[in-house]
């Protein structure tokens, strides 16, 4: 399954009772693409993996989707602030940024 985390979770839960192998393609927050920053860490079967180097495809029945969802929301406030910020870098007020 590929898509938003809630959809992939729903697909995994739907296929679980039927024993249908289900792989999900995770795209959590990634900064460096090497696993050094740890932003893309995901719990799969009780073990920690880094989506950027170990994935992005994992067994959907083993992914801790609740933890993944919480991590996806970690920067929501900062993202909102960044969207609302109007940089004045090339203006007289540049020192106020």
Protein backbone atom coordinates (compact mmCIF):
# COMPACT_ATOMS: atom_id res chain seq x y z
CA UNK A 1 0.00 0.00 0.00
CA UNK A 2 1.15 3.51 -0.76
CA UNK A 3 -0.55 6.62 0.56
CA UNK A 4 -1.30 8.48 3.77
CA UNK A 5 -0.45 6.71 7.03
CA UNK A 6 -4.12 6.28 8.09
CA UNK A 7 -4.94 4.64 4.75
CA UNK A 8 -1.98 2.24 4.93
CA UNK A 9 -2.97 1.34 8.50
CA UNK A 10 -6.54 0.64 7.35
CA UNK A 11 -5.31 -1.54 4.49
CA UNK A 12 -3.05 -3.54 6.84
CA UNK A 13 -5.90 -4.02 9.33
CA UNK A 14 -8.29 -5.07 6.54
CA UNK A 15 -5.92 -7.69 5.13
CA UNK A 16 -4.69 -9.06 8.49
CA UNK A 17 -7.66 -11.41 9.18
CA UNK A 18 -7.29 -12.94 5.72
CA UNK A 19 -3.54 -13.53 6.02
CA UNK A 20 -2.84 -11.44 2.93
CA UNK A 21 0.77 -10.25 2.88
CA UNK A 22 0.69 -6.49 2.90
CA UNK A 23 3.65 -4.23 2.36
CA UNK A 24 3.48 -0.52 3.01
CA UNK A 25 5.78 2.12 1.56
CA UNK A 26 6.60 4.56 4.34
CA UNK A 27 7.68 8.13 3.78
CA UNK A 28 8.21 9.62 7.23
CA UNK A 29 10.13 12.83 7.82
CA UNK A 30 13.61 12.44 6.34
CA UNK A 31 16.43 14.94 6.65
CA UNK A 32 19.75 13.41 5.64
CA UNK A 33 18.79 10.16 3.89
CA UNK A 34 21.51 8.21 5.71
CA UNK A 35 19.81 7.33 9.00
CA UNK A 36 22.18 9.57 10.98
CA UNK A 37 19.50 12.08 12.03
CA UNK A 38 17.01 9.44 13.17
CA UNK A 39 13.99 11.40 11.93
CA UNK A 40 12.78 8.54 9.75
CA UNK A 41 12.87 5.93 12.51
CA UNK A 42 9.97 3.53 12.52
CA UNK A 43 9.05 0.61 14.75
CA UNK A 44 8.42 -2.63 12.85
CA UNK A 45 7.81 -5.82 14.76
CA UNK A 46 9.17 -4.21 17.92
CA UNK A 47 12.47 -3.31 16.26
CA UNK A 48 13.64 0.12 15.19
CA UNK A 49 14.39 0.69 11.52
CA UNK A 50 15.32 3.76 9.51
CA UNK A 51 13.00 4.17 6.57
CA UNK A 52 15.59 6.02 4.49
CA UNK A 53 18.12 3.16 4.61
CA UNK A 54 16.15 0.05 5.65
CA UNK A 55 13.00 0.83 3.70
CA UNK A 56 10.84 2.35 2.55
CA UNK A 57 8.86 -0.90 2.20
CA UNK A 58 7.90 -2.83 5.34
CA UNK A 59 5.44 -5.55 6.38
CA UNK A 60 2.28 -3.56 7.10
CA UNK A 61 1.13 -6.04 9.72
CA UNK A 62 4.23 -5.31 11.81
CA UNK A 63 4.41 -1.50 11.55
CA UNK A 64 3.55 0.49 14.69
CA UNK A 65 1.26 2.94 12.89
CA UNK A 66 0.30 4.82 16.07
CA UNK A 67 3.92 5.67 16.81
CA UNK A 68 4.50 6.59 13.17
CA UNK A 69 1.45 8.90 13.18
CA UNK A 70 2.69 10.65 16.32
CA UNK A 71 6.13 11.18 14.78
CA UNK A 72 4.54 12.60 11.61
CA UNK A 73 2.83 15.26 13.74
CA UNK A 74 5.94 16.19 15.75
CA UNK A 75 6.73 19.30 13.69
CA UNK A 76 3.19 20.38 12.84
CA UNK A 77 3.37 23.59 14.93
CA UNK A 78 6.74 24.61 13.46
CA UNK A 79 5.53 23.88 9.93
CA UNK A 80 2.49 26.11 10.48
CA UNK A 81 4.68 28.92 11.83
CA UNK A 82 7.03 28.61 8.85
CA UNK A 83 4.11 28.83 6.40
CA UNK A 84 2.84 31.99 8.07
CA UNK A 85 6.27 33.66 8.30
CA UNK A 86 6.95 36.31 5.70
CA UNK A 87 10.69 36.70 5.39
CA UNK A 88 12.01 40.21 4.89
CA UNK A 89 15.58 39.16 4.12
CA UNK A 90 15.97 41.60 1.23
CA UNK A 91 14.33 44.57 2.93
CA UNK A 92 15.25 47.29 5.41
CA UNK A 93 13.53 45.27 8.15
CA UNK A 94 15.85 42.29 7.57
CA UNK A 95 17.18 42.46 11.12
CA UNK A 96 13.68 41.69 12.42
CA UNK A 97 13.50 38.18 10.89
